[in-house]
Amino acid sequence: MSRKNTLSLPEAFIVSGICFGLFILLSVQAVLADFPDAPFSDAGMVWGLGIELMFAAAALIFLRARGFDLASLAPQPTLKGSLAGLGLFAGAWLVGAVVTSLFQDAQGPQPIERMLTESRLSMPVVIAFALVNATFEEVFLLGVLVRGLRSHGLSVAIGFPLLVRVLCHLYQGPMGVLWILAFGLLFSFSYVRRPVLWPLVLAHILWDIVPFTTLAE
């Protein structure tokens, strides 16, 4: 049986709700509560890892039932893809730094900065979380939503997943959202130009690990 790689808008909303609905809700709650102190912890990361694996399984079951091509969602590491991923990470970091520098003087201390400086983490947990989180986000945001929505036009294919990505990270505050917006746009256009997941997953893994390298125990 042939498998599809397109989504209807209702299917896209269902996948987004399964994978990211809880994270959007928690993120919005953090904003409404004026960004309470919530440093990263090993327990919190393990919880997030487990939740993402559970949501991923549910979303894959739904997509399989809808006839989506699941085999194409597996990131396949290659040397060329890994080098591209390193370049994407460096490029995304540079773009994010430039964009946020334009607004830095107008902003006070940011929630994401407090979360990072107050965190107490072990590096094995950070790495495990990064591997799962990066794969989870890029597979479903890019491999499913961006690719699946291409038939609705490029603006929808890029805009809808980018909105979901930003909503999930509102808890990081304005500057954190600018970082997410910058690298999310770069990732989305990179995937549209060359729909291969591994370089983007690797770049995201590094994005999740690097900020904690000086903090992890």
N, C-alpha and C. Protein backbone atom coordinates (compact mmCIF):
# COMPACT_ATOMS: atom_id res chain seq x y z
N MET A 1 0.84 -1.19 0.00
CA MET A 1 0.00 0.00 0.00
C MET A 1 0.88 1.25 0.00
N SER A 2 0.60 2.17 -0.94
CA SER A 2 1.40 3.39 -1.00
C SER A 2 1.08 4.28 0.20
N ARG A 3 2.09 4.99 0.63
CA ARG A 3 1.95 5.88 1.78
C ARG A 3 2.02 7.32 1.33
N LYS A 4 1.27 8.19 2.01
CA LYS A 4 1.23 9.60 1.63
C LYS A 4 2.24 10.40 2.45
N ASN A 5 2.56 11.57 1.98
CA ASN A 5 3.41 12.49 2.74
C ASN A 5 2.78 13.87 2.83
N THR A 6 1.45 13.90 2.73
CA THR A 6 0.71 15.15 2.87
C THR A 6 -0.27 15.03 4.03
N LEU A 7 -0.65 16.18 4.57
CA LEU A 7 -1.61 16.23 5.67
C LEU A 7 -2.73 17.21 5.33
N SER A 8 -3.92 16.88 5.75
CA SER A 8 -4.98 17.87 5.72
C SER A 8 -4.78 18.80 6.91
N LEU A 9 -5.42 19.95 6.90
CA LEU A 9 -5.29 20.86 8.03
C LEU A 9 -5.80 20.24 9.34
N PRO A 10 -6.95 19.54 9.33
CA PRO A 10 -7.37 18.88 10.57
C PRO A 10 -6.34 17.87 11.08
N GLU A 11 -5.72 17.11 10.17
CA GLU A 11 -4.69 16.15 10.57
C GLU A 11 -3.50 16.87 11.19
N ALA A 12 -3.11 18.02 10.60
CA ALA A 12 -1.99 18.78 11.14
C ALA A 12 -2.30 19.28 12.55
N PHE A 13 -3.52 19.74 12.77
CA PHE A 13 -3.92 20.21 14.10
C PHE A 13 -3.92 19.06 15.11
N ILE A 14 -4.36 17.88 14.68
CA ILE A 14 -4.39 16.73 15.59
C ILE A 14 -2.98 16.32 15.98
N VAL A 15 -2.09 16.22 14.99
CA VAL A 15 -0.69 15.86 15.28
C VAL A 15 -0.06 16.88 16.22
N SER A 16 -0.31 18.16 15.94
CA SER A 16 0.25 19.22 16.79
C SER A 16 -0.29 19.13 18.20
N GLY A 17 -1.58 18.84 18.33
CA GLY A 17 -2.17 18.71 19.65
C GLY A 17 -1.60 17.54 20.42
N ILE A 18 -1.44 16.40 19.74
CA ILE A 18 -0.87 15.22 20.40
C ILE A 18 0.55 15.49 20.87
N CYS A 19 1.38 16.03 19.98
CA CYS A 19 2.81 16.17 20.27
C CYS A 19 3.13 17.38 21.15
N PHE A 20 2.44 18.48 20.90
CA PHE A 20 2.88 19.74 21.49
C PHE A 20 1.83 20.45 22.34
N GLY A 21 0.62 19.92 22.38
CA GLY A 21 -0.44 20.60 23.11
C GLY A 21 -0.12 20.84 24.57
N LEU A 22 0.38 19.83 25.26
CA LEU A 22 0.71 19.97 26.68
C LEU A 22 1.83 20.98 26.88
N PHE A 23 2.84 20.95 26.02
CA PHE A 23 3.96 21.87 26.16
C PHE A 23 3.53 23.31 25.89
N ILE A 24 2.63 23.50 24.95
CA ILE A 24 2.10 24.85 24.70
C ILE A 24 1.33 25.33 25.92
N LEU A 25 0.50 24.47 26.49
CA LEU A 25 -0.28 24.83 27.67
C LEU A 25 0.63 25.23 28.83
N LEU A 26 1.66 24.44 29.10
CA LEU A 26 2.58 24.75 30.20
C LEU A 26 3.35 26.04 29.93
N SER A 27 3.69 26.25 28.67
CA SER A 27 4.44 27.45 28.31
C SER A 27 3.57 28.69 28.50
N VAL A 28 2.31 28.62 28.06
CA VAL A 28 1.40 29.76 28.23
C VAL A 28 1.14 30.01 29.71
N GLN A 29 1.01 28.94 30.49
CA GLN A 29 0.81 29.11 31.94
C GLN A 29 1.99 29.84 32.57
N ALA A 30 3.21 29.53 32.12
CA ALA A 30 4.40 30.21 32.65
C ALA A 30 4.36 31.70 32.34
N VAL A 31 3.91 32.05 31.15
CA VAL A 31 3.80 33.47 30.78
C VAL A 31 2.76 34.16 31.66
N LEU A 32 1.59 33.53 31.82
CA LEU A 32 0.52 34.13 32.61
C LEU A 32 0.90 34.26 34.08
N ALA A 33 1.79 33.38 34.54
CA ALA A 33 2.25 33.44 35.93
C ALA A 33 3.47 34.34 36.09
N ASP A 34 3.79 35.11 35.04
CA ASP A 34 4.91 36.05 35.06
C ASP A 34 6.26 35.34 35.22
N PHE A 35 6.41 34.23 34.53
CA PHE A 35 7.68 33.50 34.44
C PHE A 35 8.24 33.15 35.83
N PRO A 36 7.57 32.25 36.55
CA PRO A 36 8.10 31.86 37.86
C PRO A 36 9.44 31.14 37.70
N ASP A 37 10.27 31.23 38.74
CA ASP A 37 11.55 30.54 38.71
C ASP A 37 11.33 29.04 38.56
N ALA A 38 11.91 28.47 37.52
CA ALA A 38 11.75 27.04 37.27
C ALA A 38 13.01 26.52 36.61
N PRO A 39 14.11 26.42 37.37
CA PRO A 39 15.37 25.96 36.77
C PRO A 39 15.26 24.53 36.25
N PHE A 40 16.06 24.24 35.27
CA PHE A 40 16.11 22.88 34.74
C PHE A 40 16.67 21.94 35.79
N SER A 41 16.17 20.72 35.81
CA SER A 41 16.65 19.71 36.75
C SER A 41 16.71 18.36 36.06
N ASP A 42 17.47 17.43 36.63
CA ASP A 42 17.52 16.08 36.07
C ASP A 42 16.14 15.46 36.06
N ALA A 43 15.40 15.60 37.15
CA ALA A 43 14.07 15.01 37.23
C ALA A 43 13.14 15.59 36.18
N GLY A 44 13.21 16.91 36.00
CA GLY A 44 12.36 17.54 35.00
C GLY A 44 12.70 17.10 33.59
N MET A 45 13.99 16.95 33.31
CA MET A 45 14.39 16.52 31.97
C MET A 45 13.99 15.07 31.71
N VAL A 46 14.13 14.23 32.72
CA VAL A 46 13.72 12.83 32.56
C VAL A 46 12.21 12.75 32.33
N TRP A 47 11.46 13.57 33.08
CA TRP A 47 10.01 13.62 32.88
C TRP A 47 9.69 14.05 31.45
N GLY A 48 10.35 15.12 30.98
CA GLY A 48 10.10 15.60 29.63
C GLY A 48 10.46 14.56 28.58
N LEU A 49 11.55 13.87 28.80
CA LEU A 49 11.98 12.81 27.88
C LEU A 49 10.91 11.73 27.78
N GLY A 50 10.42 11.29 28.92
CA GLY A 50 9.40 10.24 28.93
C GLY A 50 8.11 10.69 28.27
N ILE A 51 7.70 11.93 28.54
CA ILE A 51 6.47 12.46 27.94
C ILE A 51 6.61 12.54 26.43
N GLU A 52 7.76 12.99 25.95
CA GLU A 52 7.96 13.09 24.51
C GLU A 52 7.91 11.72 23.83
N LEU A 53 8.50 10.73 24.46
CA LEU A 53 8.45 9.38 23.88
C LEU A 53 7.01 8.87 23.83
N MET A 54 6.24 9.15 24.86
CA MET A 54 4.85 8.71 24.89
C MET A 54 4.02 9.43 23.82
N PHE A 55 4.21 10.75 23.71
CA PHE A 55 3.48 11.51 22.70
C PHE A 55 3.89 11.10 21.29
N ALA A 56 5.18 10.84 21.10
CA ALA A 56 5.66 10.41 19.79
C ALA A 56 4.99 9.11 19.37
N ALA A 57 4.89 8.16 20.29
CA ALA A 57 4.24 6.88 19.98
C ALA A 57 2.78 7.09 19.58
N ALA A 58 2.08 7.96 20.33
CA ALA A 58 0.67 8.23 20.01
C ALA A 58 0.52 8.88 18.64
N ALA A 59 1.40 9.84 18.35
CA ALA A 59 1.33 10.53 17.06
C ALA A 59 1.64 9.59 15.91
N LEU A 60 2.62 8.71 16.09
CA LEU A 60 2.98 7.76 15.03
C LEU A 60 1.84 6.78 14.77
N ILE A 61 1.15 6.37 15.83
CA ILE A 61 -0.01 5.48 15.66
C ILE A 61 -1.08 6.19 14.83
N PHE A 62 -1.33 7.46 15.16
CA PHE A 62 -2.32 8.23 14.40
C PHE A 62 -1.89 8.38 12.95
N LEU A 63 -0.63 8.74 12.71
CA LEU A 63 -0.15 8.94 11.34
C LEU A 63 -0.19 7.65 10.54
N ARG A 64 0.14 6.55 11.19
CA ARG A 64 0.07 5.27 10.48
C ARG A 64 -1.36 4.95 10.08
N ALA A 65 -2.29 5.23 10.96
CA ALA A 65 -3.70 4.99 10.65
C ALA A 65 -4.18 5.86 9.50
N ARG A 66 -3.57 7.04 9.35
CA ARG A 66 -3.94 7.95 8.27
C ARG A 66 -3.15 7.69 6.99
N GLY A 67 -2.28 6.67 7.02
CA GLY A 67 -1.55 6.30 5.81
C GLY A 67 -0.33 7.12 5.52
N PHE A 68 0.23 7.80 6.55
CA PHE A 68 1.41 8.64 6.35
C PHE A 68 2.66 7.77 6.22
N ASP A 69 3.61 8.24 5.44
CA ASP A 69 4.86 7.51 5.20
C ASP A 69 5.79 7.64 6.41
N LEU A 70 5.70 6.70 7.33
CA LEU A 70 6.49 6.77 8.56
C LEU A 70 7.96 6.44 8.32
N ALA A 71 8.25 5.58 7.36
CA ALA A 71 9.63 5.16 7.12
C ALA A 71 10.53 6.35 6.81
N SER A 72 9.98 7.37 6.18
CA SER A 72 10.78 8.53 5.78
C SER A 72 11.11 9.44 6.95
N LEU A 73 10.55 9.17 8.13
CA LEU A 73 10.75 10.05 9.28
C LEU A 73 11.98 9.69 10.10
N ALA A 74 12.62 8.59 9.80
CA ALA A 74 13.78 8.17 10.58
C ALA A 74 15.02 8.94 10.13
N PRO A 75 15.61 9.77 11.00
CA PRO A 75 16.86 10.46 10.63
C PRO A 75 17.97 9.44 10.39
N GLN A 76 18.70 9.59 9.30
CA GLN A 76 19.74 8.64 8.94
C GLN A 76 21.10 9.33 8.95
N PRO A 77 21.89 9.10 10.00
CA PRO A 77 23.19 9.77 10.11
C PRO A 77 24.14 9.40 8.98
N THR A 78 24.79 10.39 8.42
CA THR A 78 25.85 10.22 7.44
C THR A 78 26.94 11.22 7.76
N LEU A 79 28.12 11.00 7.23
CA LEU A 79 29.22 11.94 7.45
C LEU A 79 28.90 13.30 6.82
N LYS A 80 28.40 13.28 5.60
CA LYS A 80 28.04 14.53 4.93
C LYS A 80 26.94 15.26 5.69
N GLY A 81 25.95 14.50 6.15
CA GLY A 81 24.86 15.11 6.91
C GLY A 81 25.33 15.66 8.23
N SER A 82 26.29 14.98 8.85
CA SER A 82 26.82 15.45 10.13
C SER A 82 27.59 16.75 9.96
N LEU A 83 28.37 16.85 8.90
CA LEU A 83 29.09 18.10 8.63
C LEU A 83 28.10 19.23 8.35
N ALA A 84 27.04 18.91 7.61
CA ALA A 84 26.00 19.91 7.35
C ALA A 84 25.32 20.34 8.65
N GLY A 85 25.11 19.37 9.55
CA GLY A 85 24.50 19.68 10.83
C GLY A 85 25.36 20.60 11.68
N LEU A 86 26.67 20.38 11.67
CA LEU A 86 27.58 21.27 12.39
C LEU A 86 27.50 22.69 11.82
N GLY A 87 27.44 22.78 10.49
CA GLY A 87 27.33 24.08 9.87
C GLY A 87 26.01 24.76 10.19
N LEU A 88 24.94 24.00 10.21
CA LEU A 88 23.63 24.56 10.56
C LEU A 88 23.61 25.06 11.99
N PHE A 89 24.22 24.29 12.89
CA PHE A 89 24.28 24.72 14.29
C PHE A 89 25.02 26.04 14.41
N ALA A 90 26.17 26.13 13.78
CA ALA A 90 26.96 27.36 13.85
C ALA A 90 26.20 28.53 13.21
N GLY A 91 25.56 28.26 12.08
CA GLY A 91 24.81 29.31 11.41
C GLY A 91 23.62 29.78 12.22
N ALA A 92 22.90 28.82 12.83
CA ALA A 92 21.74 29.17 13.64
C ALA A 92 22.15 29.96 14.87
N TRP A 93 23.27 29.56 15.48
CA TRP A 93 23.76 30.28 16.66
C TRP A 93 24.14 31.71 16.30
N LEU A 94 24.80 31.87 15.16
CA LEU A 94 25.22 33.20 14.72
C LEU A 94 24.00 34.07 14.41
N VAL A 95 23.03 33.51 13.68
CA VAL A 95 21.83 34.27 13.35
C VAL A 95 21.08 34.67 14.62
N GLY A 96 20.94 33.72 15.56
CA GLY A 96 20.26 34.02 16.82
C GLY A 96 20.97 35.10 17.60
N ALA A 97 22.30 35.04 17.64
CA ALA A 97 23.07 36.05 18.38
C ALA A 97 22.91 37.43 17.76
N VAL A 98 22.92 37.49 16.43
CA VAL A 98 22.77 38.78 15.76
C VAL A 98 21.37 39.36 16.00
N VAL A 99 20.35 38.51 15.85
CA VAL A 99 18.97 38.98 16.02
C VAL A 99 18.73 39.47 17.44
N THR A 100 19.15 38.69 18.43
CA THR A 100 18.89 39.08 19.82
C THR A 100 19.72 40.29 20.23
N SER A 101 20.89 40.46 19.62
CA SER A 101 21.73 41.62 19.97
C SER A 101 21.05 42.93 19.61
N LEU A 102 20.16 42.90 18.64
CA LEU A 102 19.46 44.11 18.21
C LEU A 102 18.47 44.60 19.28
N PHE A 103 18.04 43.68 20.17
CA PHE A 103 17.04 44.03 21.17
C PHE A 103 17.55 43.90 22.59
N GLN A 104 18.80 43.48 22.75
CA GLN A 104 19.33 43.16 24.08
C GLN A 104 19.26 44.35 25.03
N ASP A 105 19.59 45.53 24.56
CA ASP A 105 19.65 46.70 25.44
C ASP A 105 18.28 47.10 25.97
N ALA A 106 17.23 46.70 25.25
CA ALA A 106 15.87 47.09 25.67
C ALA A 106 15.24 46.08 26.61
N GLN A 107 15.95 45.01 26.90
CA GLN A 107 15.39 43.94 27.72
C GLN A 107 16.16 43.81 29.04
N GLY A 108 15.43 43.46 30.09
CA GLY A 108 16.08 43.17 31.36
C GLY A 108 16.48 41.71 31.43
N PRO A 109 16.76 41.22 32.65
CA PRO A 109 17.08 39.81 32.82
C PRO A 109 15.98 38.92 32.25
N GLN A 110 16.38 37.88 31.57
CA GLN A 110 15.43 37.02 30.88
C GLN A 110 15.18 35.72 31.63
N PRO A 111 13.95 35.18 31.55
CA PRO A 111 13.64 33.91 32.23
C PRO A 111 14.59 32.78 31.86
N ILE A 112 14.94 32.67 30.57
CA ILE A 112 15.81 31.58 30.17
C ILE A 112 17.19 31.71 30.79
N GLU A 113 17.66 32.95 31.00
CA GLU A 113 18.96 33.15 31.64
C GLU A 113 18.93 32.68 33.10
N ARG A 114 17.84 33.02 33.81
CA ARG A 114 17.71 32.56 35.19
C ARG A 114 17.60 31.04 35.25
N MET A 115 16.85 30.46 34.33
CA MET A 115 16.69 29.01 34.32
C MET A 115 18.02 28.30 34.13
N LEU A 116 18.86 28.85 33.26
CA LEU A 116 20.15 28.24 32.98
C LEU A 116 21.11 28.39 34.16
N THR A 117 21.20 29.60 34.70
CA THR A 117 22.18 29.84 35.77
C THR A 117 21.81 29.12 37.07
N GLU A 118 20.52 28.87 37.29
CA GLU A 118 20.09 28.21 38.51
C GLU A 118 19.97 26.69 38.36
N SER A 119 20.26 26.17 37.18
CA SER A 119 20.10 24.74 36.93
C SER A 119 21.23 23.93 37.53
N ARG A 120 20.89 22.74 37.97
CA ARG A 120 21.86 21.76 38.45
C ARG A 120 21.59 20.46 37.73
N LEU A 121 22.45 20.13 36.76
CA LEU A 121 22.18 19.01 35.88
C LEU A 121 23.40 18.10 35.75
N SER A 122 23.14 16.85 35.45
CA SER A 122 24.22 15.92 35.13
C SER A 122 24.30 15.78 33.62
N MET A 123 25.51 15.72 33.09
CA MET A 123 25.68 15.69 31.64
C MET A 123 25.03 14.47 30.97
N PRO A 124 25.06 13.27 31.56
CA PRO A 124 24.35 12.15 30.91
C PRO A 124 22.87 12.43 30.69
N VAL A 125 22.22 13.08 31.66
CA VAL A 125 20.80 13.41 31.51
C VAL A 125 20.63 14.46 30.42
N VAL A 126 21.49 15.47 30.39
CA VAL A 126 21.43 16.51 29.36
C VAL A 126 21.54 15.88 27.97
N ILE A 127 22.49 14.97 27.80
CA ILE A 127 22.70 14.34 26.49
C ILE A 127 21.50 13.48 26.11
N ALA A 128 21.00 12.68 27.06
CA ALA A 128 19.84 11.83 26.78
C ALA A 128 18.64 12.67 26.38
N PHE A 129 18.42 13.76 27.12
CA PHE A 129 17.29 14.63 26.80
C PHE A 129 17.48 15.27 25.43
N ALA A 130 18.68 15.73 25.14
CA ALA A 130 18.94 16.39 23.85
C ALA A 130 18.67 15.43 22.69
N LEU A 131 19.10 14.19 22.82
CA LEU A 131 18.90 13.22 21.75
C LEU A 131 17.41 13.00 21.48
N VAL A 132 16.63 12.85 22.54
CA VAL A 132 15.20 12.60 22.38
C VAL A 132 14.48 13.87 21.94
N ASN A 133 14.75 14.99 22.63
CA ASN A 133 14.03 16.22 22.34
C ASN A 133 14.28 16.72 20.93
N ALA A 134 15.53 16.71 20.50
CA ALA A 134 15.85 17.20 19.16
C ALA A 134 15.19 16.34 18.09
N THR A 135 15.25 15.03 18.28
CA THR A 135 14.63 14.13 17.31
C THR A 135 13.11 14.32 17.29
N PHE A 136 12.52 14.38 18.47
CA PHE A 136 11.07 14.57 18.60
C PHE A 136 10.62 15.85 17.90
N GLU A 137 11.24 16.96 18.21
CA GLU A 137 10.79 18.24 17.65
C GLU A 137 11.00 18.31 16.14
N GLU A 138 12.16 17.91 15.66
CA GLU A 138 12.43 18.08 14.23
C GLU A 138 11.69 17.05 13.38
N VAL A 139 11.50 15.85 13.88
CA VAL A 139 10.73 14.86 13.13
C VAL A 139 9.29 15.33 12.94
N PHE A 140 8.68 15.81 14.03
CA PHE A 140 7.28 16.17 13.92
C PHE A 140 7.06 17.58 13.36
N LEU A 141 7.93 18.52 13.70
CA LEU A 141 7.76 19.88 13.19
C LEU A 141 8.15 19.98 11.71
N LEU A 142 9.25 19.33 11.35
CA LEU A 142 9.72 19.41 9.97
C LEU A 142 9.27 18.22 9.13
N GLY A 143 9.62 17.03 9.59
CA GLY A 143 9.34 15.82 8.81
C GLY A 143 7.86 15.56 8.61
N VAL A 144 7.04 15.94 9.58
CA VAL A 144 5.59 15.73 9.46
C VAL A 144 4.88 17.01 9.04
N LEU A 145 5.02 18.09 9.83
CA LEU A 145 4.21 19.28 9.58
C LEU A 145 4.68 20.08 8.36
N VAL A 146 5.96 20.43 8.31
CA VAL A 146 6.43 21.21 7.15
C VAL A 146 6.22 20.42 5.87
N ARG A 147 6.66 19.18 5.85
CA ARG A 147 6.49 18.38 4.64
C ARG A 147 5.02 18.12 4.35
N GLY A 148 4.27 17.78 5.40
CA GLY A 148 2.88 17.42 5.19
C GLY A 148 2.01 18.57 4.72
N LEU A 149 2.41 19.81 5.04
CA LEU A 149 1.60 20.97 4.68
C LEU A 149 2.05 21.68 3.41
N ARG A 150 3.04 21.14 2.72
CA ARG A 150 3.54 21.80 1.51
C ARG A 150 2.44 22.00 0.47
N SER A 151 1.49 21.09 0.42
CA SER A 151 0.42 21.21 -0.58
C SER A 151 -0.51 22.39 -0.29
N HIS A 152 -0.41 22.97 0.91
CA HIS A 152 -1.23 24.12 1.27
C HIS A 152 -0.49 25.44 1.03
N GLY A 153 0.70 25.36 0.46
CA GLY A 153 1.48 26.57 0.18
C GLY A 153 2.64 26.70 1.15
N LEU A 154 3.69 27.37 0.69
CA LEU A 154 4.91 27.49 1.49
C LEU A 154 4.68 28.28 2.77
N SER A 155 3.85 29.30 2.71
CA SER A 155 3.61 30.12 3.90
C SER A 155 2.97 29.31 5.01
N VAL A 156 2.03 28.44 4.66
CA VAL A 156 1.39 27.58 5.67
C VAL A 156 2.37 26.52 6.15
N ALA A 157 3.12 25.92 5.23
CA ALA A 157 4.05 24.84 5.58
C ALA A 157 5.14 25.32 6.53
N ILE A 158 5.56 26.56 6.38
CA ILE A 158 6.59 27.11 7.27
C ILE A 158 5.95 27.80 8.47
N GLY A 159 4.90 28.56 8.22
CA GLY A 159 4.32 29.38 9.28
C GLY A 159 3.66 28.60 10.39
N PHE A 160 2.88 27.57 10.07
CA PHE A 160 2.17 26.83 11.10
C PHE A 160 3.13 26.08 12.04
N PRO A 161 4.07 25.29 11.52
CA PRO A 161 5.01 24.63 12.42
C PRO A 161 5.87 25.62 13.22
N LEU A 162 6.21 26.75 12.60
CA LEU A 162 7.01 27.76 13.32
C LEU A 162 6.20 28.34 14.48
N LEU A 163 4.92 28.57 14.27
CA LEU A 163 4.06 29.06 15.35
C LEU A 163 4.01 28.05 16.49
N VAL A 164 3.88 26.78 16.16
CA VAL A 164 3.86 25.73 17.19
C VAL A 164 5.17 25.73 17.95
N ARG A 165 6.28 25.83 17.24
CA ARG A 165 7.60 25.84 17.88
C ARG A 165 7.74 27.01 18.85
N VAL A 166 7.31 28.18 18.42
CA VAL A 166 7.42 29.37 19.27
C VAL A 166 6.51 29.25 20.49
N LEU A 167 5.28 28.81 20.30
CA LEU A 167 4.35 28.67 21.42
C LEU A 167 4.88 27.71 22.49
N CYS A 168 5.58 26.68 22.07
CA CYS A 168 6.15 25.71 23.02
C CYS A 168 7.26 26.32 23.86
N HIS A 169 7.84 27.42 23.40
CA HIS A 169 9.00 27.99 24.08
C HIS A 169 8.75 29.39 24.62
N LEU A 170 7.49 29.78 24.76
CA LEU A 170 7.18 31.08 25.33
C LEU A 170 7.73 31.25 26.74
N TYR A 171 7.86 30.14 27.47
CA TYR A 171 8.34 30.20 28.86
C TYR A 171 9.75 30.77 28.95
N GLN A 172 10.47 30.82 27.84
CA GLN A 172 11.84 31.32 27.86
C GLN A 172 11.92 32.84 27.85
N GLY A 173 10.79 33.51 27.66
CA GLY A 173 10.79 34.97 27.64
C GLY A 173 11.06 35.53 26.26
N PRO A 174 10.97 36.86 26.11
CA PRO A 174 11.10 37.49 24.78
C PRO A 174 12.39 37.17 24.05
N MET A 175 13.52 37.24 24.73
CA MET A 175 14.79 36.98 24.05
C MET A 175 14.93 35.52 23.67
N GLY A 176 14.44 34.63 24.54
CA GLY A 176 14.45 33.21 24.22
C GLY A 176 13.61 32.92 22.99
N VAL A 177 12.45 33.58 22.90
CA VAL A 177 11.57 33.39 21.75
C VAL A 177 12.24 33.89 20.47
N LEU A 178 12.99 34.99 20.57
CA LEU A 178 13.72 35.48 19.39
C LEU A 178 14.74 34.45 18.90
N TRP A 179 15.46 33.84 19.86
CA TRP A 179 16.38 32.76 19.49
C TRP A 179 15.64 31.64 18.77
N ILE A 180 14.52 31.20 19.34
CA ILE A 180 13.74 30.11 18.76
C ILE A 180 13.23 30.48 17.38
N LEU A 181 12.74 31.70 17.25
CA LEU A 181 12.22 32.16 15.96
C LEU A 181 13.32 32.18 14.90
N ALA A 182 14.50 32.65 15.28
CA ALA A 182 15.60 32.74 14.32
C ALA A 182 16.04 31.36 13.85
N PHE A 183 16.29 30.46 14.81
CA PHE A 183 16.78 29.16 14.36
C PHE A 183 15.65 28.32 13.77
N GLY A 184 14.40 28.55 14.20
CA GLY A 184 13.28 27.83 13.61
C GLY A 184 13.09 28.18 12.14
N LEU A 185 13.21 29.47 11.83
CA LEU A 185 13.11 29.89 10.43
C LEU A 185 14.24 29.29 9.59
N LEU A 186 15.45 29.34 10.12
CA LEU A 186 16.59 28.78 9.39
C LEU A 186 16.41 27.29 9.16
N PHE A 187 15.97 26.57 10.19
CA PHE A 187 15.74 25.13 10.06
C PHE A 187 14.65 24.85 9.02
N SER A 188 13.56 25.61 9.07
CA SER A 188 12.44 25.36 8.17
C SER A 188 12.86 25.57 6.72
N PHE A 189 13.54 26.68 6.43
CA PHE A 189 13.95 26.94 5.06
C PHE A 189 15.01 25.93 4.60
N SER A 190 15.87 25.51 5.51
CA SER A 190 16.87 24.50 5.17
C SER A 190 16.19 23.18 4.79
N TYR A 191 15.15 22.82 5.54
CA TYR A 191 14.45 21.56 5.27
C TYR A 191 13.66 21.65 3.96
N VAL A 192 13.04 22.80 3.70
CA VAL A 192 12.32 22.96 2.44
C VAL A 192 13.27 22.85 1.26
N ARG A 193 14.44 23.44 1.42
CA ARG A 193 15.45 23.40 0.34
C ARG A 193 16.00 22.00 0.14
N ARG A 194 16.23 21.29 1.25
CA ARG A 194 16.78 19.93 1.16
C ARG A 194 16.14 19.10 2.27
N PRO A 195 15.09 18.35 1.95
CA PRO A 195 14.30 17.65 2.97
C PRO A 195 14.99 16.40 3.54
N VAL A 196 16.07 16.62 4.26
CA VAL A 196 16.80 15.55 4.94
C VAL A 196 16.85 15.93 6.41
N LEU A 197 16.44 15.02 7.28
CA LEU A 197 16.26 15.36 8.68
C LEU A 197 17.54 15.34 9.52
N TRP A 198 18.47 14.45 9.22
CA TRP A 198 19.60 14.25 10.13
C TRP A 198 20.39 15.53 10.41
N PRO A 199 20.77 16.34 9.41
CA PRO A 199 21.54 17.55 9.74
C PRO A 199 20.81 18.46 10.72
N LEU A 200 19.50 18.56 10.59
CA LEU A 200 18.71 19.42 11.46
C LEU A 200 18.58 18.84 12.86
N VAL A 201 18.44 17.53 12.93
CA VAL A 201 18.38 16.87 14.24
C VAL A 201 19.70 17.04 14.97
N LEU A 202 20.81 16.84 14.27
CA LEU A 202 22.13 17.00 14.90
C LEU A 202 22.33 18.44 15.36
N ALA A 203 21.97 19.41 14.52
CA ALA A 203 22.12 20.81 14.91
C ALA A 203 21.30 21.12 16.16
N HIS A 204 20.11 20.54 16.25
CA HIS A 204 19.26 20.76 17.42
C HIS A 204 19.84 20.06 18.65
N ILE A 205 20.39 18.87 18.48
CA ILE A 205 21.04 18.17 19.60
C ILE A 205 22.13 19.07 20.19
N LEU A 206 22.97 19.62 19.34
CA LEU A 206 24.03 20.49 19.81
C LEU A 206 23.46 21.74 20.47
N TRP A 207 22.37 22.27 19.91
CA TRP A 207 21.71 23.44 20.47
C TRP A 207 21.23 23.17 21.90
N ASP A 208 20.77 21.94 22.14
CA ASP A 208 20.27 21.58 23.47
C ASP A 208 21.39 21.27 24.46
N ILE A 209 22.56 20.89 23.96
CA ILE A 209 23.65 20.49 24.85
C ILE A 209 24.56 21.66 25.21
N VAL A 210 24.95 22.44 24.21
CA VAL A 210 25.98 23.46 24.40
C VAL A 210 25.70 24.42 25.55
N PRO A 211 24.47 24.96 25.71
CA PRO A 211 24.25 25.91 26.81
C PRO A 211 24.49 25.31 28.20
N PHE A 212 24.45 23.98 28.30
CA PHE A 212 24.59 23.35 29.62
C PHE A 212 26.00 22.84 29.90
N THR A 213 26.92 22.98 28.93
CA THR A 213 28.24 22.37 29.09
C THR A 213 29.01 22.95 30.28
N THR A 214 28.78 24.21 30.60
CA THR A 214 29.47 24.82 31.75
C THR A 214 28.69 24.68 33.04
N LEU A 215 27.47 24.14 32.95
CA LEU A 215 26.62 24.04 34.13
C LEU A 215 26.47 22.61 34.63
N ALA A 216 26.58 21.64 33.71
CA ALA A 216 26.34 20.25 34.09
C ALA A 216 27.43 19.73 34.99
N GLU A 217 27.07 18.81 35.87
CA GLU A 217 28.02 18.25 36.82
C GLU A 217 28.61 16.97 36.28
